[in-house]
Amino acid sequence: MKNYKYKMTVIMPSYNNGQYIKQALDSILVQEVDFDYQIIITDDGSQDNSPQIIKEYAEMYSDKVLALYSEKNCHLFQNMLKALKRMDSEYFCVLDPDDYWTDKKRLKKAVDFLDQHPDYTIYASNEEKLFNDGSIEIYYNRPNITTKTSTYADFLKGKEVLSNTLASTYRN
């Protein structure tokens, strides 16, 4: 078994999200955990104030935040690959800078579950969408599925339980 530097990495691919990114980063930094984690932010050539905000957080939290910058926009896939290449953790998740977590135990719940269930590769939780008018909608990938776990065979049959990116954690 490989020894990792961190238990968890939170990857944040960013492009022109200056108006949201502080709330997203703060929702990570308040996580109540008993393990080491890292945040890798990959800025993809943003033209707004995102690079300045990212730099500020990378300096304030140099033990947790690794900032990677692109001179030009290379799009999401290349931006994600850059982060994945630098990741050194047992688990990882992705939080887009226009999303944020409200559960301060979000990372701990995911790690605890995956530690206790080595046969699982993904942990997912429910999520809520908050609309500009203040209304909230709970997101379910497939409302007609009542099971809480699924297999690769379920995936092949279109009966898998999947979550959006912000609610999923993956085994590396």
C-alpha atoms as a PDB file:
ATOM      1  CA  MET A   1       0.000   0.000   0.000  1.00  0.00           C
ATOM      2  CA  LYS A   2       1.336   3.419  -0.958  1.00  0.00           C
ATOM      3  CA  ASN A   3       2.134   5.994   1.694  1.00  0.00           C
ATOM      4  CA  TYR A   4       0.530   9.315   0.829  1.00  0.00           C
ATOM      5  CA  LYS A   5       1.472  12.724   2.136  1.00  0.00           C
ATOM      6  CA  TYR A   6      -2.191  13.647   2.687  1.00  0.00           C
ATOM      7  CA  LYS A   7      -5.301  11.699   3.479  1.00  0.00           C
ATOM      8  CA  MET A   8      -7.434  13.959   1.265  1.00  0.00           C
ATOM      9  CA  THR A   9      -6.987  16.445  -1.552  1.00  0.00           C
ATOM     10  CA  VAL A  10      -9.660  18.934  -2.523  1.00  0.00           C
ATOM     11  CA  ILE A  11      -9.195  19.992  -6.139  1.00  0.00           C
ATOM     12  CA  MET A  12     -10.621  23.328  -7.203  1.00  0.00           C
ATOM     13  CA  PRO A  13     -10.420  24.094 -10.933  1.00  0.00           C
ATOM     14  CA  SER A  14     -11.036  27.796 -11.383  1.00  0.00           C
ATOM     15  CA  TYR A  15     -11.722  30.152 -14.246  1.00  0.00           C
ATOM     16  CA  ASN A  16     -13.112  33.643 -13.639  1.00  0.00           C
ATOM     17  CA  ASN A  17     -14.821  32.799 -10.343  1.00  0.00           C
ATOM     18  CA  GLY A  18     -13.578  35.701  -8.246  1.00  0.00           C
ATOM     19  CA  GLN A  19     -17.029  36.566  -6.964  1.00  0.00           C
ATOM     20  CA  TYR A  20     -17.523  33.079  -5.457  1.00  0.00           C
ATOM     21  CA  ILE A  21     -14.144  31.559  -4.685  1.00  0.00           C
ATOM     22  CA  LYS A  22     -13.702  32.935  -1.151  1.00  0.00           C
ATOM     23  CA  GLN A  23     -16.906  31.276   0.050  1.00  0.00           C
ATOM     24  CA  ALA A  24     -15.858  27.984  -1.541  1.00  0.00           C
ATOM     25  CA  LEU A  25     -12.374  28.090  -0.001  1.00  0.00           C
ATOM     26  CA  ASP A  26     -13.707  29.093   3.401  1.00  0.00           C
ATOM     27  CA  SER A  27     -16.129  26.148   3.325  1.00  0.00           C
ATOM     28  CA  ILE A  28     -13.126  23.838   2.938  1.00  0.00           C
ATOM     29  CA  LEU A  29     -10.947  25.519   5.530  1.00  0.00           C
ATOM     30  CA  VAL A  30     -13.601  25.203   8.278  1.00  0.00           C
ATOM     31  CA  GLN A  31     -13.820  21.441   7.848  1.00  0.00           C
ATOM     32  CA  GLU A  32     -13.573  19.548  11.147  1.00  0.00           C
ATOM     33  CA  VAL A  33     -11.125  16.743  10.393  1.00  0.00           C
ATOM     34  CA  ASP A  34      -8.543  14.622  12.192  1.00  0.00           C
ATOM     35  CA  PHE A  35      -6.302  14.109   9.158  1.00  0.00           C
ATOM     36  CA  ASP A  36      -4.092  16.142   6.856  1.00  0.00           C
ATOM     37  CA  TYR A  37      -5.592  17.482   3.683  1.00  0.00           C
ATOM     38  CA  GLN A  38      -4.502  19.707   0.846  1.00  0.00           C
ATOM     39  CA  ILE A  39      -6.326  22.078  -1.470  1.00  0.00           C
ATOM     40  CA  ILE A  40      -5.027  22.297  -5.020  1.00  0.00           C
ATOM     41  CA  ILE A  41      -6.410  25.279  -6.901  1.00  0.00           C
ATOM     42  CA  THR A  42      -5.736  25.387 -10.617  1.00  0.00           C
ATOM     43  CA  ASP A  43      -6.435  28.771 -12.113  1.00  0.00           C
ATOM     44  CA  ASP A  44      -6.971  28.478 -15.846  1.00  0.00           C
ATOM     45  CA  GLY A  45      -5.871  31.910 -17.033  1.00  0.00           C
ATOM     46  CA  SER A  46      -8.633  33.877 -15.307  1.00  0.00           C
ATOM     47  CA  GLN A  47      -9.141  37.471 -16.425  1.00  0.00           C
ATOM     48  CA  ASP A  48     -10.937  38.602 -13.248  1.00  0.00           C
ATOM     49  CA  ASN A  49      -9.642  38.901  -9.670  1.00  0.00           C
ATOM     50  CA  SER A  50      -9.458  35.123  -9.130  1.00  0.00           C
ATOM     51  CA  PRO A  51      -5.640  34.886  -9.366  1.00  0.00           C
ATOM     52  CA  GLN A  52      -5.210  37.573  -6.692  1.00  0.00           C
ATOM     53  CA  ILE A  53      -7.654  35.850  -4.335  1.00  0.00           C
ATOM     54  CA  ILE A  54      -6.030  32.471  -4.922  1.00  0.00           C
ATOM     55  CA  LYS A  55      -2.579  33.961  -4.234  1.00  0.00           C
ATOM     56  CA  GLU A  56      -3.872  35.503  -1.010  1.00  0.00           C
ATOM     57  CA  TYR A  57      -5.202  32.145   0.230  1.00  0.00           C
ATOM     58  CA  ALA A  58      -2.065  30.273  -0.882  1.00  0.00           C
ATOM     59  CA  GLU A  59       0.039  32.696   1.172  1.00  0.00           C
ATOM     60  CA  MET A  60      -2.243  32.667   4.234  1.00  0.00           C
ATOM     61  CA  TYR A  61      -2.586  28.862   4.213  1.00  0.00           C
ATOM     62  CA  SER A  62       0.725  27.801   2.690  1.00  0.00           C
ATOM     63  CA  ASP A  63       0.586  24.509   4.609  1.00  0.00           C
ATOM     64  CA  LYS A  64      -2.749  23.593   2.945  1.00  0.00           C
ATOM     65  CA  VAL A  65      -3.189  25.466  -0.334  1.00  0.00           C
ATOM     66  CA  LEU A  66      -1.198  24.773  -3.480  1.00  0.00           C
ATOM     67  CA  ALA A  67      -1.951  27.232  -6.276  1.00  0.00           C
ATOM     68  CA  LEU A  68      -1.212  26.339  -9.903  1.00  0.00           C
ATOM     69  CA  TYR A  69      -1.614  28.951 -12.616  1.00  0.00           C
ATOM     70  CA  SER A  70      -1.938  28.787 -16.395  1.00  0.00           C
ATOM     71  CA  GLU A  71      -0.795  31.606 -18.642  1.00  0.00           C
ATOM     72  CA  LYS A  72      -3.666  30.908 -21.028  1.00  0.00           C
ATOM     73  CA  ASN A  73      -6.984  29.143 -20.761  1.00  0.00           C
ATOM     74  CA  CYS A  74      -6.463  25.446 -21.470  1.00  0.00           C
ATOM     75  CA  HIS A  75     -10.008  24.386 -20.451  1.00  0.00           C
ATOM     76  CA  LEU A  76     -11.314  22.158 -17.691  1.00  0.00           C
ATOM     77  CA  PHE A  77      -9.851  18.777 -18.653  1.00  0.00           C
ATOM     78  CA  GLN A  78      -6.240  19.996 -18.880  1.00  0.00           C
ATOM     79  CA  ASN A  79      -6.755  22.077 -15.756  1.00  0.00           C
ATOM     80  CA  MET A  80      -7.943  19.008 -13.831  1.00  0.00           C
ATOM     81  CA  LEU A  81      -5.083  16.853 -15.131  1.00  0.00           C
ATOM     82  CA  LYS A  82      -2.599  19.406 -13.831  1.00  0.00           C
ATOM     83  CA  ALA A  83      -4.055  19.035 -10.334  1.00  0.00           C
ATOM     84  CA  LEU A  84      -4.315  15.250 -10.479  1.00  0.00           C
ATOM     85  CA  LYS A  85      -0.622  15.003 -11.396  1.00  0.00           C
ATOM     86  CA  ARG A  86       0.337  16.971  -8.271  1.00  0.00           C
ATOM     87  CA  MET A  87      -2.044  15.195  -5.924  1.00  0.00           C
ATOM     88  CA  ASP A  88      -0.507  12.958  -3.251  1.00  0.00           C
ATOM     89  CA  SER A  89      -3.422  11.647  -1.224  1.00  0.00           C
ATOM     90  CA  GLU A  90      -5.435   8.534  -0.582  1.00  0.00           C
ATOM     91  CA  TYR A  91      -8.706  10.268  -1.439  1.00  0.00           C
ATOM     92  CA  PHE A  92      -9.733  13.281  -3.466  1.00  0.00           C
ATOM     93  CA  CYS A  93     -12.759  15.341  -4.290  1.00  0.00           C
ATOM     94  CA  VAL A  94     -13.540  18.319  -6.482  1.00  0.00           C
ATOM     95  CA  LEU A  95     -15.206  21.514  -5.355  1.00  0.00           C
ATOM     96  CA  ASP A  96     -15.914  24.062  -8.040  1.00  0.00           C
ATOM     97  CA  PRO A  97     -15.334  27.636  -6.884  1.00  0.00           C
ATOM     98  CA  ASP A  98     -18.971  28.581  -7.443  1.00  0.00           C
ATOM     99  CA  ASP A  99     -20.093  25.842  -5.017  1.00  0.00           C
ATOM    100  CA  TYR A 100     -19.558  25.514  -1.277  1.00  0.00           C
ATOM    101  CA  TRP A 101     -20.116  23.044   1.523  1.00  0.00           C
ATOM    102  CA  THR A 102     -22.450  23.739   4.428  1.00  0.00           C
ATOM    103  CA  ASP A 103     -21.569  20.596   6.405  1.00  0.00           C
ATOM    104  CA  LYS A 104     -18.380  21.121   8.447  1.00  0.00           C
ATOM    105  CA  LYS A 105     -17.958  17.353   8.666  1.00  0.00           C
ATOM    106  CA  ARG A 106     -18.293  16.763   4.911  1.00  0.00           C
ATOM    107  CA  LEU A 107     -14.700  15.578   4.442  1.00  0.00           C
ATOM    108  CA  LYS A 108     -14.599  13.550   7.662  1.00  0.00           C
ATOM    109  CA  LYS A 109     -17.776  11.666   6.768  1.00  0.00           C
ATOM    110  CA  ALA A 110     -16.368  10.767   3.362  1.00  0.00           C
ATOM    111  CA  VAL A 111     -12.988   9.637   4.703  1.00  0.00           C
ATOM    112  CA  ASP A 112     -14.532   7.671   7.561  1.00  0.00           C
ATOM    113  CA  PHE A 113     -16.843   5.855   5.155  1.00  0.00           C
ATOM    114  CA  LEU A 114     -14.120   5.031   2.636  1.00  0.00           C
ATOM    115  CA  ASP A 115     -11.717   3.935   5.398  1.00  0.00           C
ATOM    116  CA  GLN A 116     -14.372   1.580   6.774  1.00  0.00           C
ATOM    117  CA  HIS A 117     -15.386   0.265   3.334  1.00  0.00           C
ATOM    118  CA  PRO A 118     -12.238  -0.524   1.321  1.00  0.00           C
ATOM    119  CA  ASP A 119     -14.351  -2.201  -1.382  1.00  0.00           C
ATOM    120  CA  TYR A 120     -15.991   1.136  -2.288  1.00  0.00           C
ATOM    121  CA  THR A 121     -14.383   3.583  -4.704  1.00  0.00           C
ATOM    122  CA  ILE A 122     -16.761   6.550  -4.398  1.00  0.00           C
ATOM    123  CA  TYR A 123     -18.578   8.161  -1.494  1.00  0.00           C
ATOM    124  CA  ALA A 124     -21.438  10.473  -2.364  1.00  0.00           C
ATOM    125  CA  SER A 125     -23.893  12.523  -0.371  1.00  0.00           C
ATOM    126  CA  ASN A 126     -26.985  14.543  -1.123  1.00  0.00           C
ATOM    127  CA  GLU A 127     -26.671  18.137  -2.127  1.00  0.00           C
ATOM    128  CA  GLU A 128     -28.918  21.147  -2.245  1.00  0.00           C
ATOM    129  CA  LYS A 129     -29.287  23.759  -4.933  1.00  0.00           C
ATOM    130  CA  LEU A 130     -29.838  27.290  -3.683  1.00  0.00           C
ATOM    131  CA  PHE A 131     -31.538  29.544  -6.196  1.00  0.00           C
ATOM    132  CA  ASN A 132     -31.321  33.336  -6.439  1.00  0.00           C
ATOM    133  CA  ASP A 133     -34.869  33.666  -5.105  1.00  0.00           C
ATOM    134  CA  GLY A 134     -33.828  31.842  -1.911  1.00  0.00           C
ATOM    135  CA  SER A 135     -35.609  28.586  -2.706  1.00  0.00           C
ATOM    136  CA  ILE A 136     -33.793  25.302  -2.136  1.00  0.00           C
ATOM    137  CA  GLU A 137     -34.050  22.057  -4.061  1.00  0.00           C
ATOM    138  CA  ILE A 138     -32.525  18.782  -2.875  1.00  0.00           C
ATOM    139  CA  TYR A 139     -30.684  17.167  -5.769  1.00  0.00           C
ATOM    140  CA  TYR A 140     -31.146  13.461  -6.401  1.00  0.00           C
ATOM    141  CA  ASN A 141     -29.419  11.837  -9.331  1.00  0.00           C
ATOM    142  CA  ARG A 142     -32.150   9.277  -9.844  1.00  0.00           C
ATOM    143  CA  PRO A 143     -35.206   9.799  -7.636  1.00  0.00           C
ATOM    144  CA  ASN A 144     -36.729   6.417  -8.552  1.00  0.00           C
ATOM    145  CA  ILE A 145     -33.746   4.490  -7.135  1.00  0.00           C
ATOM    146  CA  THR A 146     -34.029   3.718  -3.444  1.00  0.00           C
ATOM    147  CA  THR A 147     -30.758   1.828  -2.905  1.00  0.00           C
ATOM    148  CA  LYS A 148     -27.840   3.654  -1.351  1.00  0.00           C
ATOM    149  CA  THR A 149     -25.093   1.719  -3.108  1.00  0.00           C
ATOM    150  CA  SER A 150     -24.505   0.552  -6.625  1.00  0.00           C
ATOM    151  CA  THR A 151     -22.099  -1.657  -8.507  1.00  0.00           C
ATOM    152  CA  TYR A 152     -20.454  -1.522 -11.892  1.00  0.00           C
ATOM    153  CA  ALA A 153     -23.177  -3.894 -13.118  1.00  0.00           C
ATOM    154  CA  ASP A 154     -25.768  -1.335 -11.952  1.00  0.00           C
ATOM    155  CA  PHE A 155     -23.909   1.309 -13.956  1.00  0.00           C
ATOM    156  CA  LEU A 156     -24.048  -0.828 -17.089  1.00  0.00           C
ATOM    157  CA  LYS A 157     -27.819  -1.231 -16.616  1.00  0.00           C
ATOM    158  CA  GLY A 158     -28.363   2.514 -16.033  1.00  0.00           C
ATOM    159  CA  LYS A 159     -29.358   1.913 -12.407  1.00  0.00           C
ATOM    160  CA  GLU A 160     -26.338   3.420 -10.704  1.00  0.00           C
ATOM    161  CA  VAL A 161     -26.501   5.902  -7.888  1.00  0.00           C
ATOM    162  CA  LEU A 162     -24.283   8.845  -8.762  1.00  0.00           C
ATOM    163  CA  SER A 163     -23.970  12.303  -7.379  1.00  0.00           C
ATOM    164  CA  ASN A 164     -22.788  15.600  -8.761  1.00  0.00           C
ATOM    165  CA  THR A 165     -19.117  16.455  -8.439  1.00  0.00           C
ATOM    166  CA  LEU A 166     -19.425  18.584  -5.317  1.00  0.00           C
ATOM    167  CA  ALA A 167     -20.985  15.734  -3.342  1.00  0.00           C
ATOM    168  CA  SER A 168     -18.569  12.953  -4.373  1.00  0.00           C
ATOM    169  CA  THR A 169     -15.267  11.746  -2.933  1.00  0.00           C
ATOM    170  CA  TYR A 170     -13.057   9.258  -4.756  1.00  0.00           C
ATOM    171  CA  ARG A 171     -10.476   6.710  -3.730  1.00  0.00           C
ATOM    172  CA  ASN A 172      -7.202   7.525  -5.528  1.00  0.00           C
END
